[in-house]
């Protein structure tokens, strides 16, 4: 059986920087309130007519392929994680395949929100383990800012979410080489309505209606307190699960890359695990929460900054809408 390894990572974020001061001009908030609750100072939002989920993910993918030393012709398959596809139908995987000019390879879309990239990485890992594919492009990308309620009513989520794309090239390697050790996936749909967006909806009388617009059904809704309480529990559980499954202790972690949901959550997990600052990677302070994009963007930046070295034990963990949570333990 083969083993899979991340051969290269890339990312792209929009040029537009949105500061907390700018948000305070849209809604009743301020820099102190936002930083205290989220740790975010600024984030990136897309520019309409310039940025799309497709072209952002293409830029991230090209960077990942270049760093991996892999040509587009070598890519066998695409697994694309997003909840903000450019079209309602089809999914973004085929749009990326077209944008990159790839041959008629398969493209699979994953809609697990904040945990989407880790679900996508796990799916790709299984394909490579079975020998079905040798090199897979795994992508997480979002444009969240267009779906935020930028009024006082929606400020708790509007100050958090942002836009961006990240990608990795996952390739087949020998069993004795570094690579993915295991992945662990979980969900609990009884909390689906604690973080969700109801429209457009295929189960109503019509997918889009004026009533939906008037009710604000197109805006992301989040019960922040409930999400926070469950996140700190599930993050710890799934990180410990990955370590115990592979016979490691928390002290063995060289770098923890958590989903960038909220800096306070990441700091709580870091404290509970007793990890020093140099063993945890955070970028939410200046990029916000890009949902499925956070972990691949973080991996790309961590590599750029020299914080990922060959052979490092790296733990990836995520929690979010669904509720769905996941972890992946790997040797870089």
Protein backbone atom coordinates (compact mmCIF):
# COMPACT_ATOMS: atom_id res chain seq x y z
CA UNK A 1 0.00 0.00 0.00
CA UNK A 2 1.20 3.50 -0.81
CA UNK A 3 1.57 6.40 1.58
CA UNK A 4 0.75 10.03 0.85
CA UNK A 5 2.86 13.10 1.57
CA UNK A 6 2.33 16.83 1.11
CA UNK A 7 4.84 17.72 -1.58
CA UNK A 8 4.14 21.45 -1.69
CA UNK A 9 1.75 24.12 -0.43
CA UNK A 10 0.59 27.44 -1.85
CA UNK A 11 -1.85 30.22 -1.04
CA UNK A 12 -3.45 33.40 -2.28
CA UNK A 13 -5.34 36.14 -0.42
CA UNK A 14 -7.09 39.16 -1.96
CA UNK A 15 -5.29 42.49 -2.02
CA UNK A 16 -8.00 44.39 -0.15
CA UNK A 17 -7.15 44.77 3.54
CA UNK A 18 -10.12 45.48 5.82
CA UNK A 19 -9.11 46.89 9.20
CA UNK A 20 -11.14 46.93 12.37
CA UNK A 21 -11.39 50.69 11.99
CA UNK A 22 -13.10 50.23 8.61
CA UNK A 23 -15.57 47.79 10.15
CA UNK A 24 -16.34 50.31 12.90
CA UNK A 25 -17.60 52.63 10.16
CA UNK A 26 -20.07 49.96 8.97
CA UNK A 27 -21.42 48.80 12.33
CA UNK A 28 -21.32 49.56 16.04
CA UNK A 29 -17.96 48.06 16.94
CA UNK A 30 -14.36 49.07 17.53
CA UNK A 31 -10.84 47.70 17.41
CA UNK A 32 -10.70 46.89 21.14
CA UNK A 33 -14.00 44.94 21.05
CA UNK A 34 -12.95 42.88 18.01
CA UNK A 35 -9.41 42.12 19.21
CA UNK A 36 -10.59 41.16 22.69
CA UNK A 37 -13.13 38.64 21.36
CA UNK A 38 -11.38 37.29 18.27
CA UNK A 39 -7.73 38.39 18.21
CA UNK A 40 -8.25 39.78 14.70
CA UNK A 41 -6.74 43.15 13.71
CA UNK A 42 -7.41 42.95 9.96
CA UNK A 43 -8.61 40.56 7.30
CA UNK A 44 -8.72 40.21 3.50
CA UNK A 45 -11.96 40.66 1.53
CA UNK A 46 -12.34 40.03 -2.17
CA UNK A 47 -12.82 42.69 -4.83
CA UNK A 48 -15.94 42.03 -6.96
CA UNK A 49 -15.07 41.60 -10.61
CA UNK A 50 -11.46 40.80 -9.74
CA UNK A 51 -11.36 37.89 -7.30
CA UNK A 52 -13.31 34.63 -7.60
CA UNK A 53 -13.07 31.37 -5.69
CA UNK A 54 -11.83 29.82 -8.93
CA UNK A 55 -9.05 32.24 -9.79
CA UNK A 56 -7.87 32.52 -6.17
CA UNK A 57 -7.64 28.73 -5.89
CA UNK A 58 -5.85 28.55 -9.23
CA UNK A 59 -3.18 30.97 -8.01
CA UNK A 60 -2.75 28.96 -4.81
CA UNK A 61 -2.62 25.70 -6.78
CA UNK A 62 0.02 26.97 -9.20
CA UNK A 63 2.18 28.03 -6.25
CA UNK A 64 1.74 24.62 -4.61
CA UNK A 65 2.64 22.77 -7.81
CA UNK A 66 5.71 24.94 -8.38
CA UNK A 67 6.95 24.35 -4.83
CA UNK A 68 6.28 20.63 -5.18
CA UNK A 69 8.16 20.46 -8.46
CA UNK A 70 5.07 18.97 -10.08
CA UNK A 71 3.65 19.96 -13.46
CA UNK A 72 -0.07 20.34 -14.05
CA UNK A 73 0.05 17.33 -16.38
CA UNK A 74 1.01 15.12 -13.42
CA UNK A 75 -2.12 15.95 -11.39
CA UNK A 76 -4.48 12.95 -11.40
CA UNK A 77 -7.40 14.30 -9.38
CA UNK A 78 -8.80 17.36 -7.55
CA UNK A 79 -10.48 17.46 -4.16
CA UNK A 80 -11.93 20.93 -3.57
CA UNK A 81 -13.25 22.10 -0.18
CA UNK A 82 -15.52 25.16 -0.12
CA UNK A 83 -18.96 26.25 1.00
CA UNK A 84 -18.88 29.34 -1.23
CA UNK A 85 -18.54 27.93 -4.73
CA UNK A 86 -18.69 30.46 -7.55
CA UNK A 87 -21.82 28.69 -8.83
CA UNK A 88 -24.69 26.99 -6.99
CA UNK A 89 -24.14 24.24 -9.58
CA UNK A 90 -21.62 22.89 -10.56
CA UNK A 91 -19.11 22.67 -7.74
CA UNK A 92 -15.80 24.51 -7.84
CA UNK A 93 -13.63 21.46 -8.55
CA UNK A 94 -14.50 21.40 -12.25
CA UNK A 95 -14.11 25.18 -12.47
CA UNK A 96 -10.57 24.87 -11.13
CA UNK A 97 -9.86 22.00 -13.52
CA UNK A 98 -10.87 24.27 -16.40
CA UNK A 99 -8.99 27.31 -15.06
CA UNK A 100 -5.75 25.31 -14.76
CA UNK A 101 -6.19 23.73 -18.18
CA UNK A 102 -5.90 20.23 -16.74
CA UNK A 103 -6.92 17.20 -18.80
CA UNK A 104 -10.26 15.53 -18.10
CA UNK A 105 -9.35 14.35 -14.61
CA UNK A 106 -11.94 13.85 -11.88
CA UNK A 107 -12.89 16.63 -9.48
CA UNK A 108 -14.65 16.09 -6.17
CA UNK A 109 -16.23 18.82 -4.00
CA UNK A 110 -16.34 18.71 -0.20
CA UNK A 111 -18.76 20.93 1.74
CA UNK A 112 -17.69 20.50 5.36
CA UNK A 113 -17.04 24.19 5.99
CA UNK A 114 -14.31 24.86 8.57
CA UNK A 115 -13.27 21.20 8.61
CA UNK A 116 -13.58 20.91 4.83
CA UNK A 117 -9.88 20.95 4.01
CA UNK A 118 -9.07 18.16 6.47
CA UNK A 119 -11.97 16.08 5.15
CA UNK A 120 -10.65 16.72 1.62
CA UNK A 121 -7.11 15.80 2.66
CA UNK A 122 -8.35 12.56 4.21
CA UNK A 123 -10.30 11.65 1.05
CA UNK A 124 -7.25 12.31 -1.12
CA UNK A 125 -5.09 10.27 1.27
CA UNK A 126 -7.38 7.25 0.80
CA UNK A 127 -7.21 7.52 -2.99
CA UNK A 128 -3.42 7.55 -2.88
CA UNK A 129 -3.19 4.71 -0.34
CA UNK A 130 -5.22 2.44 -2.59
CA UNK A 131 -3.03 3.29 -5.58
CA UNK A 132 -5.87 4.81 -7.58
CA UNK A 133 -4.05 8.15 -7.96
CA UNK A 134 -0.45 9.30 -7.52
CA UNK A 135 -0.74 13.09 -7.28
CA UNK A 136 -3.80 14.98 -6.08
CA UNK A 137 -4.49 18.69 -5.79
CA UNK A 138 -6.27 19.38 -2.47
CA UNK A 139 -7.76 22.85 -2.17
CA UNK A 140 -9.58 24.96 0.41
CA UNK A 141 -10.94 28.31 -0.74
CA UNK A 142 -13.70 30.73 0.24
CA UNK A 143 -15.29 34.09 -0.44
CA UNK A 144 -17.20 34.68 2.77
CA UNK A 145 -17.37 38.47 2.83
CA UNK A 146 -20.15 38.66 0.24
CA UNK A 147 -22.42 36.62 2.54
CA UNK A 148 -21.91 38.57 5.76
CA UNK A 149 -24.49 40.77 7.45
CA UNK A 150 -22.46 43.94 7.90
CA UNK A 151 -25.02 45.54 10.21
CA UNK A 152 -25.09 45.64 14.00
CA UNK A 153 -27.21 42.50 13.98
CA UNK A 154 -24.56 40.49 12.15
CA UNK A 155 -21.39 42.00 13.60
CA UNK A 156 -20.42 38.94 15.69
CA UNK A 157 -19.73 36.98 12.50
CA UNK A 158 -18.97 39.88 10.13
CA UNK A 159 -15.82 40.78 12.08
CA UNK A 160 -14.48 37.21 11.89
CA UNK A 161 -14.88 35.78 8.40
CA UNK A 162 -12.66 36.54 5.43
CA UNK A 163 -11.59 35.41 1.97
CA UNK A 164 -8.65 33.44 0.60
CA UNK A 165 -7.41 30.19 -0.91
CA UNK A 166 -4.86 27.54 -0.06
CA UNK A 167 -3.75 24.37 -1.82
CA UNK A 168 -1.42 21.42 -1.40
CA UNK A 169 -0.12 18.76 -3.76
CA UNK A 170 -0.48 15.34 -2.17
CA UNK A 171 1.73 12.67 -3.68
CA UNK A 172 2.41 8.96 -3.31
CA UNK A 173 5.61 7.98 -1.46
CA UNK A 174 7.07 4.81 0.02
CA UNK A 175 5.88 3.57 3.41
CA UNK A 176 9.16 4.41 5.14
CA UNK A 177 9.08 8.05 4.00
CA UNK A 178 7.47 10.99 5.86
CA UNK A 179 3.79 11.59 5.12
CA UNK A 180 0.27 11.38 6.51
CA UNK A 181 0.06 9.05 9.49
CA UNK A 182 -3.68 9.14 10.11
CA UNK A 183 -6.84 11.23 9.80
CA UNK A 184 -9.80 11.38 12.18
CA UNK A 185 -13.22 12.71 11.13
CA UNK A 186 -16.31 13.43 13.25
CA UNK A 187 -19.65 15.24 13.07
CA UNK A 188 -22.80 15.99 15.08
CA UNK A 189 -25.65 17.37 13.00
CA UNK A 190 -27.80 18.15 16.02
CA UNK A 191 -25.90 21.45 16.18
CA UNK A 192 -26.22 22.30 12.47
CA UNK A 193 -28.33 25.40 13.11
CA UNK A 194 -25.77 26.91 15.49
CA UNK A 195 -23.59 27.94 12.52
CA UNK A 196 -25.32 27.90 9.14
CA UNK A 197 -26.69 29.75 6.13
CA UNK A 198 -30.18 28.68 5.12
CA UNK A 199 -30.49 30.17 1.63
CA UNK A 200 -30.56 29.53 -1.21
CA UNK A 201 -32.56 26.43 -0.26
CA UNK A 202 -33.64 23.54 -2.50
CA UNK A 203 -36.24 22.26 -0.01
CA UNK A 204 -38.50 25.31 -0.02
CA UNK A 205 -41.15 26.19 -2.56
CA UNK A 206 -38.50 28.08 -4.49
CA UNK A 207 -34.74 28.31 -4.05
CA UNK A 208 -34.64 32.10 -4.08
CA UNK A 209 -37.44 34.46 -3.05
CA UNK A 210 -37.91 38.03 -1.90
CA UNK A 211 -39.02 36.68 1.47
CA UNK A 212 -35.64 35.00 1.89
CA UNK A 213 -33.92 38.29 1.15
CA UNK A 214 -36.15 40.21 3.55
CA UNK A 215 -35.49 37.71 6.36
CA UNK A 216 -31.75 37.77 5.75
CA UNK A 217 -31.63 34.04 5.01
CA UNK A 218 -28.63 34.60 2.74
CA UNK A 219 -26.50 35.76 5.68
CA UNK A 220 -24.35 33.46 7.78
CA UNK A 221 -25.86 32.90 11.23
CA UNK A 222 -23.70 31.93 14.19
CA UNK A 223 -24.31 31.26 17.88
CA UNK A 224 -20.84 32.30 18.97
CA UNK A 225 -21.05 31.10 22.57
CA UNK A 226 -22.22 27.62 21.62
CA UNK A 227 -19.58 27.30 18.90
CA UNK A 228 -16.82 28.39 21.28
CA UNK A 229 -17.87 25.97 24.06
CA UNK A 230 -17.99 22.99 21.73
CA UNK A 231 -14.85 23.96 19.81
CA UNK A 232 -12.53 23.93 22.80
CA UNK A 233 -13.76 20.44 23.75
CA UNK A 234 -13.71 18.88 20.27
CA UNK A 235 -10.33 20.38 19.35
CA UNK A 236 -8.72 18.76 22.37
CA UNK A 237 -10.47 15.44 21.78
CA UNK A 238 -9.49 15.10 18.15
CA UNK A 239 -5.88 16.22 18.69
CA UNK A 240 -5.46 13.67 21.49
CA UNK A 241 -7.11 11.02 19.31
CA UNK A 242 -4.56 11.51 16.54
CA UNK A 243 -1.62 11.41 18.94
CA UNK A 244 -2.81 8.32 20.83
CA UNK A 245 -3.63 6.49 17.60
CA UNK A 246 -0.01 6.84 16.51
CA UNK A 247 1.65 6.37 19.89
CA UNK A 248 2.77 9.96 20.39
CA UNK A 249 2.47 12.43 23.27
CA UNK A 250 1.66 16.13 23.02
CA UNK A 251 5.32 16.91 23.68
CA UNK A 252 6.21 15.21 20.40
CA UNK A 253 4.36 17.81 18.32
CA UNK A 254 6.73 20.04 16.34
CA UNK A 255 3.97 22.25 14.96
CA UNK A 256 0.24 22.47 15.64
CA UNK A 257 -1.73 24.12 12.83
CA UNK A 258 -5.29 24.70 14.05
CA UNK A 259 -8.16 25.97 11.95
CA UNK A 260 -8.13 29.73 12.40
CA UNK A 261 -11.60 30.10 13.93
CA UNK A 262 -10.76 32.47 16.75
CA UNK A 263 -7.40 33.33 18.28
CA UNK A 264 -8.86 32.80 21.75
CA UNK A 265 -9.72 29.19 20.87
CA UNK A 266 -6.22 28.54 19.52
CA UNK A 267 -4.64 30.08 22.60
CA UNK A 268 -6.83 27.98 24.91
CA UNK A 269 -5.83 24.79 23.08
CA UNK A 270 -2.17 25.81 23.18
CA UNK A 271 -2.37 26.40 26.92
CA UNK A 272 -4.09 23.07 27.58
CA UNK A 273 -1.48 21.21 25.54
CA UNK A 274 1.36 23.15 27.15
CA UNK A 275 2.89 24.07 23.80
CA UNK A 276 5.27 27.04 23.42
CA UNK A 277 4.52 29.76 20.88
CA UNK A 278 6.99 28.37 18.36
CA UNK A 279 5.01 25.12 18.16
CA UNK A 280 1.67 26.69 17.21
CA UNK A 281 0.98 28.55 13.98
CA UNK A 282 -1.61 31.35 13.92
CA UNK A 283 -2.33 33.91 11.23
CA UNK A 284 -5.93 34.85 12.04
CA UNK A 285 -4.67 38.17 13.46
CA UNK A 286 -4.17 39.57 9.96
CA UNK A 287 -6.11 37.17 7.70
CA UNK A 288 -9.31 36.42 9.63
CA UNK A 289 -11.21 33.15 9.37
CA UNK A 290 -11.19 31.90 5.77
CA UNK A 291 -13.12 28.73 6.67
CA UNK A 292 -11.86 25.84 4.45
CA UNK A 293 -8.90 28.00 3.42
CA UNK A 294 -7.33 28.54 6.83
CA UNK A 295 -5.22 25.39 7.21
CA UNK A 296 -3.73 25.21 3.68
CA UNK A 297 -2.99 28.96 3.79
CA UNK A 298 -1.31 28.47 7.18
CA UNK A 299 0.74 25.52 5.89
CA UNK A 300 1.96 27.58 2.95
CA UNK A 301 2.94 30.51 5.17
CA UNK A 302 4.53 28.29 7.80
CA UNK A 303 6.71 26.72 5.10
CA UNK A 304 7.66 30.18 3.81
CA UNK A 305 8.69 31.23 7.31
CA UNK A 306 10.86 28.17 7.84
CA UNK A 307 8.61 26.73 10.52
CA UNK A 308 8.10 23.45 8.69
CA UNK A 309 11.16 21.24 8.40
CA UNK A 310 11.49 17.80 6.84
CA UNK A 311 10.51 15.13 9.33
CA UNK A 312 8.58 17.47 11.68
CA UNK A 313 5.56 15.95 13.42
CA UNK A 314 2.69 18.21 12.41
CA UNK A 315 -0.84 18.11 13.78
CA UNK A 316 -3.67 19.73 11.82
CA UNK A 317 -7.00 20.19 13.61
CA UNK A 318 -10.31 21.85 12.76
CA UNK A 319 -13.80 22.41 14.14
CA UNK A 320 -16.78 24.27 12.73
CA UNK A 321 -20.16 24.27 11.05
CA UNK A 322 -21.95 20.94 11.05
CA UNK A 323 -20.79 20.58 13.74
CA UNK A 324 -17.88 18.77 12.07
CA UNK A 325 -14.37 18.37 13.41
CA UNK A 326 -11.23 16.57 12.28
CA UNK A 327 -7.50 16.09 12.71
CA UNK A 328 -4.64 14.88 10.56
CA UNK A 329 -1.27 13.85 11.95
CA UNK A 330 1.66 13.81 9.55
CA UNK A 331 5.39 13.87 9.13
CA UNK A 332 6.34 16.85 6.98
